[in-house]
C-alpha cells in the first residue's frame, strides 16, 4: 500500500578497496551529470528558437505494455498539467505564472513530466509573414518546452480547443497543428504528443451520422472542469468508429485518431503518442478499436473514484499496452469529477496505479486544487491577475479532510497525498539519460 514511510537501513559492510574505487567513479559520474544539467539550463535560458538538442539516442519507446528509455529504464509519467497557459488566447499575459508552475512542478512536486495544453487555433491566428503559422506562438511553446526540459522533465504537448474554438473532436486544423509540431519536435527526446484533449463529439452517433446526444459545449471563460457529464456512459460502436477512423457529424468532418497517428508517423516522427478515448477521455478502447502503430500510450481522464471495480478497465488494458491517467483532479467542488468517497478511495486508487505501473498527471497548481486554500475557492482553468508568479508560492499542498463530500463545505484536495506520492515514486528523467 502506498504510504510515506521509509525502510530502515541495513548494517553497513566493511569498506573494501574495490568499493572505494566504485565510490570515486560514482562521484565522477555525478559531477558529469551535474555539468550536463547546468549546460542544458544555460541553453534553455539563452536559446528559445529551437528545442533543446540532446542525444536522440535517449528516446522513449513502447516495448510490450511499458515505456522504456533507450538505456532500458522504465519510464512512468508522474507530473503536473499546467493551467491558464497556451490554451488561452491571452497566453502572453500569463508567462510568469506558467514558468512558475513548471519550476514548482520540478522543484517542489518532484514531477518527472509536465503537460502543456496548447490551443491549436492560436497557432494559426495572425500567421507570420512567409509562414503558414504564427511563429510568435510557436516560439512561446518552444520556450516552455525548453524550460521544462532544462529541469529534467519530459514534456507532453496536448492539443486543446475548449477555450478557443471548442471544437469537440479533431478536424483539419488538428492535422495542421500536428504537422507543425512534428516538424518542430521530430524525435526530440522526452517530447510526447497528446493528440486531442477529451474528445467529446457525443455519447452516441446514429447510423446516418447525426449525434443522438449533443456534444459538450463550454462557454468561453468557464472552467473546462465545470461542465463535465459525469460517470462513464455506454459508448456505441458508431461513436467508437468515428473516434478511431473519423467521419462527418452534423455537417462537420472529424479526423480519426488512427488517421492522426498515421499522419504523424508518415513524417518520420517516432515520438510517444498519447491517445485519449471518447466521452471526454473517460473511456479506454479494446479489441478492434485499439490504435495500430508503434509507441502508442492510452490516456484516461478522471476515472470514477466511487467505484473501484471500474478501475479494472485500466488494469486490464495495462496488461497489453501502456496506460496513463493523463489528467486527474480531486478537489472539493460541485462538479461531476468530484467523488464523495475520495477521502478513503484516493489512497486506494494511487496504490492501484502503482501496482499496475500506470502513471498520473495531476491538474493543477492552484489554490483549491493541488494547493492549499485558506477559504473555499473553486479552481478555474483560466489565469487571473492574482495568479502567483514565483515557484515558491506554489509549493504548499492541499489536504483531504474527512468532511470531503463534494458540496460547498471545506474539504480541500489531494495535493499532500500526490506530493508525497511523486516524492516516493517519480523517477527523475536525468536517470534515464545516463
Protein backbone atom coordinates (compact mmCIF):
# COMPACT_ATOMS: atom_id res chain seq x y z
CA UNK A 1 0.00 0.00 0.00
CA UNK A 2 1.22 3.49 -0.86
CA UNK A 3 2.46 5.36 2.21
CA UNK A 4 5.10 7.90 3.07
CA UNK A 5 7.18 5.70 5.38
CA UNK A 6 10.78 4.76 4.60
CA UNK A 7 12.51 1.47 5.21
CA UNK A 8 15.22 1.21 7.85
CA UNK A 9 18.87 0.78 6.84
CA UNK A 10 20.68 -2.49 6.93
CA UNK A 11 24.04 -2.79 8.68
CA UNK A 12 26.89 -1.46 6.57
CA UNK A 13 29.62 -3.93 5.49
CA UNK A 14 33.32 -3.14 5.82
CA UNK A 15 34.61 -0.84 3.08
CA UNK A 16 36.96 -2.51 0.61
CA UNK A 17 39.39 -1.06 -1.95
CA UNK A 18 37.08 -2.03 -4.79
CA UNK A 19 34.23 -0.14 -3.15
CA UNK A 20 36.42 2.92 -2.75
CA UNK A 21 37.14 2.81 -6.48
CA UNK A 22 33.46 2.43 -7.20
CA UNK A 23 32.78 5.45 -5.00
CA UNK A 24 35.33 7.54 -6.95
CA UNK A 25 33.72 6.51 -10.22
CA UNK A 26 30.29 7.39 -8.85
CA UNK A 27 31.46 10.87 -7.79
CA UNK A 28 32.85 11.47 -11.27
CA UNK A 29 29.61 10.27 -12.79
CA UNK A 30 27.55 12.63 -10.60
CA UNK A 31 29.78 15.60 -11.47
CA UNK A 32 29.38 14.84 -15.17
CA UNK A 33 25.61 14.67 -14.76
CA UNK A 34 25.52 17.98 -12.91
CA UNK A 35 27.62 19.61 -15.62
CA UNK A 36 25.27 18.32 -18.32
CA UNK A 37 22.27 19.64 -16.37
CA UNK A 38 23.92 23.07 -15.99
CA UNK A 39 24.71 23.28 -19.70
CA UNK A 40 21.09 22.38 -20.52
CA UNK A 41 19.77 25.10 -18.25
CA UNK A 42 22.05 27.74 -19.80
CA UNK A 43 20.99 26.63 -23.27
CA UNK A 44 17.31 26.86 -22.33
CA UNK A 45 17.69 30.39 -20.98
CA UNK A 46 19.60 31.72 -23.97
CA UNK A 47 18.01 29.77 -26.82
CA UNK A 48 14.23 29.80 -27.23
CA UNK A 49 14.18 29.46 -31.01
CA UNK A 50 14.79 25.71 -31.05
CA UNK A 51 14.10 22.78 -28.74
CA UNK A 52 16.97 21.65 -26.56
CA UNK A 53 19.21 19.50 -28.72
CA UNK A 54 20.14 16.42 -26.76
CA UNK A 55 21.32 12.97 -27.74
CA UNK A 56 18.47 11.48 -29.75
CA UNK A 57 19.53 8.04 -28.54
CA UNK A 58 17.71 8.87 -25.31
CA UNK A 59 14.29 8.21 -26.78
CA UNK A 60 11.23 6.75 -25.10
CA UNK A 61 9.84 3.64 -26.74
CA UNK A 62 6.97 1.25 -26.09
CA UNK A 63 8.05 -2.33 -25.51
CA UNK A 64 5.10 -4.59 -24.82
CA UNK A 65 2.94 -2.85 -22.23
CA UNK A 66 5.58 -0.48 -20.86
CA UNK A 67 7.60 2.54 -21.90
CA UNK A 68 11.37 2.37 -21.66
CA UNK A 69 14.23 4.75 -22.27
CA UNK A 70 16.97 3.69 -24.67
CA UNK A 71 19.11 2.54 -21.74
CA UNK A 72 16.39 0.13 -20.66
CA UNK A 73 14.94 2.06 -17.72
CA UNK A 74 11.19 2.03 -17.14
CA UNK A 75 9.51 5.41 -17.64
CA UNK A 76 6.26 6.05 -15.77
CA UNK A 77 4.97 9.63 -16.14
CA UNK A 78 4.28 11.32 -12.81
CA UNK A 79 3.57 15.00 -13.20
CA UNK A 80 1.53 18.16 -13.45
CA UNK A 81 -0.79 19.62 -16.11
CA UNK A 82 -0.28 23.38 -16.48
CA UNK A 83 -3.35 25.63 -16.34
CA UNK A 84 -4.04 29.09 -17.77
CA UNK A 85 -1.31 28.80 -20.36
CA UNK A 86 -1.02 28.17 -24.07
CA UNK A 87 -4.64 27.02 -24.27
CA UNK A 88 -5.82 30.60 -23.63
CA UNK A 89 -5.94 33.46 -26.13
CA UNK A 90 -4.15 35.79 -23.69
CA UNK A 91 -1.27 33.39 -23.13
CA UNK A 92 1.42 36.10 -23.34
CA UNK A 93 -0.01 37.77 -20.23
CA UNK A 94 0.42 34.53 -18.27
CA UNK A 95 4.05 33.69 -19.00
CA UNK A 96 5.35 34.42 -15.49
CA UNK A 97 2.74 32.20 -13.85
CA UNK A 98 3.25 29.41 -16.38
CA UNK A 99 7.01 29.43 -15.80
CA UNK A 100 6.39 29.38 -12.05
CA UNK A 101 4.18 26.30 -12.44
CA UNK A 102 6.83 24.48 -14.47
CA UNK A 103 9.60 25.29 -11.99
CA UNK A 104 7.45 24.42 -8.98
CA UNK A 105 6.43 21.09 -10.55
CA UNK A 106 10.08 20.06 -10.69
CA UNK A 107 11.39 21.70 -7.52
CA UNK A 108 8.59 21.21 -5.00
CA UNK A 109 6.35 18.50 -6.51
CA UNK A 110 9.08 16.10 -7.70
CA UNK A 111 7.41 15.72 -11.10
CA UNK A 112 9.22 13.98 -13.93
CA UNK A 113 6.67 15.13 -16.54
CA UNK A 114 4.89 18.39 -17.39
CA UNK A 115 1.80 18.59 -19.60
CA UNK A 116 1.28 21.70 -21.72
CA UNK A 117 -2.18 22.26 -23.19
CA UNK A 118 -1.99 24.20 -26.44
CA UNK A 119 -4.81 25.86 -28.38
CA UNK A 120 -4.46 24.73 -31.97
CA UNK A 121 -6.22 27.87 -33.22
CA UNK A 122 -3.57 30.09 -31.55
CA UNK A 123 -1.01 28.54 -33.87
CA UNK A 124 -2.92 29.66 -36.96
CA UNK A 125 -4.31 33.04 -35.91
CA UNK A 126 -2.25 36.04 -37.06
CA UNK A 127 0.09 33.94 -39.18
CA UNK A 128 3.64 35.20 -39.60
CA UNK A 129 4.58 36.62 -43.00
CA UNK A 130 6.06 33.90 -45.17
CA UNK A 131 4.80 31.10 -42.90
CA UNK A 132 1.58 29.15 -42.56
CA UNK A 133 1.51 29.56 -38.78
CA UNK A 134 2.04 32.12 -36.01
CA UNK A 135 5.76 31.91 -35.34
CA UNK A 136 5.47 34.04 -32.18
CA UNK A 137 3.15 31.44 -30.69
CA UNK A 138 5.44 28.61 -31.74
CA UNK A 139 8.33 30.37 -30.00
CA UNK A 140 6.20 30.60 -26.83
CA UNK A 141 5.71 26.83 -27.00
CA UNK A 142 9.43 26.25 -27.54
CA UNK A 143 10.33 28.49 -24.61
CA UNK A 144 8.17 26.50 -22.19
CA UNK A 145 9.37 23.18 -23.56
CA UNK A 146 12.98 24.27 -23.13
CA UNK A 147 12.36 25.37 -19.56
CA UNK A 148 10.77 22.06 -18.64
CA UNK A 149 13.49 20.04 -20.34
CA UNK A 150 16.21 22.07 -18.60
CA UNK A 151 14.60 20.95 -15.35
CA UNK A 152 14.82 17.29 -16.42
CA UNK A 153 11.14 16.76 -17.09
CA UNK A 154 9.52 15.05 -20.04
CA UNK A 155 7.05 17.31 -21.86
CA UNK A 156 3.58 16.33 -23.05
CA UNK A 157 2.18 18.57 -25.81
CA UNK A 158 -1.62 18.40 -25.76
CA UNK A 159 -3.92 19.79 -28.45
CA UNK A 160 -6.66 21.72 -26.63
CA UNK A 161 -9.69 23.52 -28.10
CA UNK A 162 -12.01 24.16 -25.16
CA UNK A 163 -11.09 27.81 -24.57
CA UNK A 164 -10.92 28.92 -28.18
CA UNK A 165 -12.94 27.18 -30.92
CA UNK A 166 -14.35 24.48 -28.59
CA UNK A 167 -14.24 22.01 -31.46
CA UNK A 168 -15.30 18.70 -29.86
CA UNK A 169 -13.06 16.47 -31.96
CA UNK A 170 -10.03 16.52 -34.26
CA UNK A 171 -10.52 18.37 -37.57
CA UNK A 172 -8.35 19.50 -40.48
CA UNK A 173 -6.92 22.20 -38.18
CA UNK A 174 -5.80 19.48 -35.76
CA UNK A 175 -3.97 17.77 -38.61
CA UNK A 176 -2.27 21.07 -39.50
CA UNK A 177 -1.34 21.56 -35.84
CA UNK A 178 0.42 18.20 -35.63
CA UNK A 179 2.21 18.83 -38.91
CA UNK A 180 3.84 21.93 -37.41
CA UNK A 181 4.52 20.19 -34.08
CA UNK A 182 6.03 17.21 -35.90
CA UNK A 183 8.47 19.46 -37.73
CA UNK A 184 9.38 21.35 -34.57
CA UNK A 185 9.80 18.35 -32.25
CA UNK A 186 10.53 15.40 -34.52
CA UNK A 187 12.21 12.65 -32.49
CA UNK A 188 13.23 15.10 -29.75
CA UNK A 189 13.98 13.18 -26.55
CA UNK A 190 11.18 13.13 -23.97
CA UNK A 191 8.70 15.12 -26.07
CA UNK A 192 5.31 13.38 -26.11
CA UNK A 193 2.34 14.13 -28.39
CA UNK A 194 -1.11 14.04 -26.71
CA UNK A 195 -3.36 14.07 -29.77
CA UNK A 196 -6.57 15.77 -28.61
CA UNK A 197 -7.88 16.82 -25.22
CA UNK A 198 -11.01 14.95 -24.13
CA UNK A 199 -12.82 14.07 -27.38
CA UNK A 200 -16.48 14.95 -26.82
CA UNK A 201 -18.38 14.68 -30.09
CA UNK A 202 -21.23 12.85 -28.36
CA UNK A 203 -22.10 9.80 -26.32
CA UNK A 204 -23.66 8.11 -29.35
CA UNK A 205 -23.80 8.61 -33.09
CA UNK A 206 -26.69 7.34 -35.18
CA UNK A 207 -26.25 5.35 -38.37
CA UNK A 208 -26.87 8.42 -40.53
CA UNK A 209 -24.02 10.29 -38.89
CA UNK A 210 -26.04 12.56 -36.60
CA UNK A 211 -25.40 12.85 -32.88
CA UNK A 212 -28.04 11.34 -30.64
CA UNK A 213 -26.88 13.44 -27.70
CA UNK A 214 -25.33 16.83 -28.26
CA UNK A 215 -21.65 17.44 -27.65
CA UNK A 216 -20.47 19.22 -24.53
CA UNK A 217 -20.21 22.94 -25.15
CA UNK A 218 -18.27 25.02 -22.66
CA UNK A 219 -18.89 28.79 -22.79
CA UNK A 220 -15.64 30.70 -23.16
CA UNK A 221 -14.31 31.86 -19.82
CA UNK A 222 -15.83 28.94 -17.90
CA UNK A 223 -13.61 26.27 -16.44
CA UNK A 224 -13.42 23.10 -18.50
CA UNK A 225 -13.76 21.31 -15.19
CA UNK A 226 -17.13 22.93 -14.59
CA UNK A 227 -19.35 21.14 -17.07
CA UNK A 228 -18.41 17.51 -17.16
CA UNK A 229 -21.07 14.96 -17.86
CA UNK A 230 -20.22 12.65 -15.00
CA UNK A 231 -19.73 8.90 -14.89
CA UNK A 232 -18.92 6.66 -17.81
CA UNK A 233 -21.63 6.20 -20.40
CA UNK A 234 -22.35 3.38 -22.80
CA UNK A 235 -20.47 4.18 -25.99
CA UNK A 236 -21.94 2.96 -29.26
CA UNK A 237 -20.00 1.20 -31.98
CA UNK A 238 -20.69 4.17 -34.25
CA UNK A 239 -19.04 6.54 -31.81
CA UNK A 240 -16.04 4.26 -31.44
CA UNK A 241 -15.69 4.05 -35.24
CA UNK A 242 -15.95 7.83 -35.52
CA UNK A 243 -13.34 8.23 -32.78
CA UNK A 244 -10.90 5.85 -34.43
CA UNK A 245 -11.50 6.38 -38.14
CA UNK A 246 -13.23 9.78 -38.41
CA UNK A 247 -16.35 10.79 -40.29
CA UNK A 248 -18.89 13.54 -40.78
CA UNK A 249 -21.26 14.58 -37.98
CA UNK A 250 -23.81 17.38 -38.34
CA UNK A 251 -22.00 18.61 -41.44
CA UNK A 252 -18.55 18.70 -39.80
CA UNK A 253 -15.78 16.34 -40.88
CA UNK A 254 -13.79 14.90 -37.98
CA UNK A 255 -10.46 13.11 -38.28
CA UNK A 256 -10.00 9.79 -36.52
CA UNK A 257 -7.24 9.08 -34.03
CA UNK A 258 -5.85 6.38 -36.30
CA UNK A 259 -5.61 8.91 -39.14
CA UNK A 260 -3.70 11.37 -36.94
CA UNK A 261 -1.30 8.66 -35.81
CA UNK A 262 -0.70 7.57 -39.41
CA UNK A 263 -0.10 11.19 -40.44
CA UNK A 264 2.47 11.81 -37.71
CA UNK A 265 4.29 8.55 -38.37
CA UNK A 266 4.28 9.43 -42.07
CA UNK A 267 6.50 12.43 -41.25
CA UNK A 268 9.13 10.07 -39.84
CA UNK A 269 8.21 11.03 -36.27
CA UNK A 270 8.66 8.32 -33.61
CA UNK A 271 7.76 10.35 -30.51
CA UNK A 272 5.45 8.72 -27.99
CA UNK A 273 1.79 9.43 -28.77
CA UNK A 274 -0.89 9.58 -26.09
CA UNK A 275 -4.40 8.80 -27.31
CA UNK A 276 -7.44 9.85 -25.27
CA UNK A 277 -10.71 7.98 -25.67
CA UNK A 278 -14.24 9.30 -26.27
CA UNK A 279 -16.64 10.58 -23.60
CA UNK A 280 -14.15 13.25 -22.54
CA UNK A 281 -11.36 10.67 -22.26
CA UNK A 282 -13.29 8.61 -19.73
CA UNK A 283 -13.23 5.53 -21.97
CA UNK A 284 -10.43 3.18 -22.98
CA UNK A 285 -10.51 1.22 -26.24
CA UNK A 286 -10.46 -2.55 -26.53
CA UNK A 287 -10.27 -5.05 -29.36
CA UNK A 288 -10.67 -3.64 -32.85
CA UNK A 289 -10.73 -0.07 -31.52
CA UNK A 290 -7.12 -0.20 -30.36
CA UNK A 291 -4.87 2.10 -32.39
CA UNK A 292 -2.42 0.45 -34.78
CA UNK A 293 1.16 1.62 -34.80
CA UNK A 294 4.23 1.92 -32.61
CA UNK A 295 4.82 3.94 -29.43
CA UNK A 296 1.13 4.35 -28.51
CA UNK A 297 0.03 5.08 -24.93
CA UNK A 298 -3.65 5.20 -23.92
CA UNK A 299 -4.75 8.08 -21.71
CA UNK A 300 -7.80 8.13 -19.44
CA UNK A 301 -9.10 11.16 -17.51
CA UNK A 302 -10.94 11.41 -14.19
CA UNK A 303 -11.96 7.78 -13.56
CA UNK A 304 -14.72 7.10 -11.06
CA UNK A 305 -13.24 7.12 -7.56
CA UNK A 306 -16.54 5.99 -6.03
CA UNK A 307 -16.44 2.72 -7.97
CA UNK A 308 -13.09 0.91 -7.57
CA UNK A 309 -14.25 -2.01 -9.72
CA UNK A 310 -14.39 0.38 -12.69
CA UNK A 311 -10.62 0.79 -12.40
CA UNK A 312 -10.23 -2.75 -13.74
CA UNK A 313 -10.51 -1.46 -17.31
CA UNK A 314 -7.30 0.47 -16.60
CA UNK A 315 -5.63 -2.61 -15.18
CA UNK A 316 -6.89 -4.86 -17.98
CA UNK A 317 -5.61 -2.61 -20.78
CA UNK A 318 -2.31 -2.04 -18.95
CA UNK A 319 -1.61 -5.77 -19.36
CA UNK A 320 -1.24 -5.33 -23.13
CA UNK A 321 -0.42 -1.63 -23.64
CA UNK A 322 0.91 1.35 -21.67
CA UNK A 323 -1.79 3.40 -19.91
CA UNK A 324 -1.63 6.74 -18.12
CA UNK A 325 -4.16 8.75 -16.14
CA UNK A 326 -3.43 11.76 -18.32
CA UNK A 327 -5.39 14.35 -16.34
CA UNK A 328 -6.56 13.74 -12.82
CA UNK A 329 -8.02 16.12 -10.29
CA UNK A 330 -9.79 15.69 -6.99
CA UNK A 331 -10.82 18.76 -5.05
CA UNK A 332 -13.87 19.97 -3.17
CA UNK A 333 -16.36 21.20 -5.77
CA UNK A 334 -19.88 20.61 -7.12
CA UNK A 335 -18.52 19.32 -10.45
CA UNK A 336 -19.17 15.80 -11.67
CA UNK A 337 -15.49 14.86 -11.47
CA UNK A 338 -15.56 15.29 -7.69
CA UNK A 339 -16.21 11.97 -5.94
CA UNK A 340 -17.62 11.90 -2.42
CA UNK A 341 -15.61 8.79 -1.40
CA UNK A 342 -12.30 10.40 -2.27
CA UNK A 343 -11.10 10.62 1.34
CA UNK A 344 -10.99 6.84 1.62
CA UNK A 345 -10.53 5.87 -2.04
CA UNK A 346 -7.77 8.20 -3.28
CA UNK A 347 -5.04 6.25 -1.41
CA UNK A 348 -6.51 3.05 -2.83
CA UNK A 349 -6.50 4.48 -6.35
CA UNK A 350 -2.89 5.66 -6.12
CA UNK A 351 -1.90 2.23 -4.88
CA UNK A 352 -3.80 0.66 -7.79
CA UNK A 353 -1.87 2.77 -10.29
CA UNK A 354 1.40 1.95 -8.55
CA UNK A 355 0.67 -1.78 -8.64
CA UNK A 356 -0.17 -1.67 -12.36
CA UNK A 357 2.72 0.71 -13.22
CA UNK A 358 0.35 3.35 -14.56
CA UNK A 359 1.42 7.00 -14.39
CA UNK A 360 -0.66 10.00 -13.40
CA UNK A 361 -0.73 13.67 -14.46
CA UNK A 362 -2.44 15.95 -11.95
CA UNK A 363 -4.41 19.16 -12.53
CA UNK A 364 -3.37 21.74 -11.28
CA UNK A 365 -1.10 24.02 -9.22
CA UNK A 366 -3.70 26.47 -7.99
CA UNK A 367 -5.46 27.17 -4.71
CA UNK A 368 -8.32 24.80 -4.01
CA UNK A 369 -6.97 22.04 -6.25
CA UNK A 370 -3.43 20.85 -5.52
CA UNK A 371 -2.58 23.93 -3.46
CA UNK A 372 -3.82 24.79 -0.01
CA UNK A 373 -6.58 27.39 0.11
CA UNK A 374 -7.46 29.30 3.28
CA UNK A 375 -11.07 29.65 2.18
CA UNK A 376 -13.41 27.96 -0.25
CA UNK A 377 -12.44 28.52 -3.85
CA UNK A 378 -13.31 26.55 -6.97
CA UNK A 379 -10.30 26.32 -9.30
CA UNK A 380 -10.54 27.65 -12.85
CA UNK A 381 -8.60 26.79 -15.96
CA UNK A 382 -8.05 30.49 -16.63
CA UNK A 383 -5.14 32.59 -15.43
CA UNK A 384 -6.06 35.58 -13.25
CA UNK A 385 -4.24 38.80 -12.31
CA UNK A 386 -3.67 37.30 -8.86
CA UNK A 387 -2.03 34.10 -10.13
CA UNK A 388 1.34 33.57 -8.41
CA UNK A 389 4.43 34.38 -10.44
CA UNK A 390 7.06 32.73 -8.23
CA UNK A 391 7.51 28.98 -7.84
CA UNK A 392 7.82 29.17 -4.05
CA UNK A 393 4.19 30.31 -3.90
CA UNK A 394 3.14 27.03 -5.48
CA UNK A 395 4.52 24.53 -3.01
CA UNK A 396 2.01 24.32 -0.12
CA UNK A 397 -0.28 21.36 -0.85
CA UNK A 398 -3.96 20.98 -0.14
CA UNK A 399 -5.15 18.15 2.09
CA UNK A 400 -8.11 15.81 2.05
CA UNK A 401 -10.27 16.08 5.14
CA UNK A 402 -12.86 13.59 6.46
CA UNK A 403 -15.55 16.20 5.70
CA UNK A 404 -14.90 15.83 1.96
CA UNK A 405 -18.29 15.38 0.26
CA UNK A 406 -18.25 17.44 -2.98
CA UNK A 407 -20.54 20.09 -1.56
CA UNK A 408 -19.55 23.62 -0.66
CA UNK A 409 -18.04 22.67 2.68
CA UNK A 410 -14.34 22.95 3.45
CA UNK A 411 -12.84 19.64 2.30
CA UNK A 412 -9.88 20.68 0.09
CA UNK A 413 -7.99 18.34 -2.27
CA UNK A 414 -5.34 15.71 -2.90
CA UNK A 415 -2.23 17.90 -3.01
CA UNK A 416 -0.42 16.44 0.01
CA UNK A 417 -1.07 12.84 -1.00
CA UNK A 418 0.13 13.47 -4.54
CA UNK A 419 3.19 15.42 -3.47
CA UNK A 420 4.22 12.52 -1.23
CA UNK A 421 3.46 10.01 -3.97
CA UNK A 422 5.64 11.81 -6.52
CA UNK A 423 8.41 12.22 -3.96
CA UNK A 424 8.49 8.45 -3.46
CA UNK A 425 7.86 7.11 -6.94
CA UNK A 426 8.57 9.69 -9.68
CA UNK A 427 11.87 8.65 -11.28
CA UNK A 428 13.80 11.73 -12.46
CA UNK A 429 14.35 11.94 -16.21
CA UNK A 430 18.06 12.58 -15.57
CA UNK A 431 18.42 8.93 -14.55
CA UNK A 432 17.16 7.85 -17.99
CA UNK A 433 19.91 9.68 -19.86
CA UNK A 434 22.87 8.00 -18.22
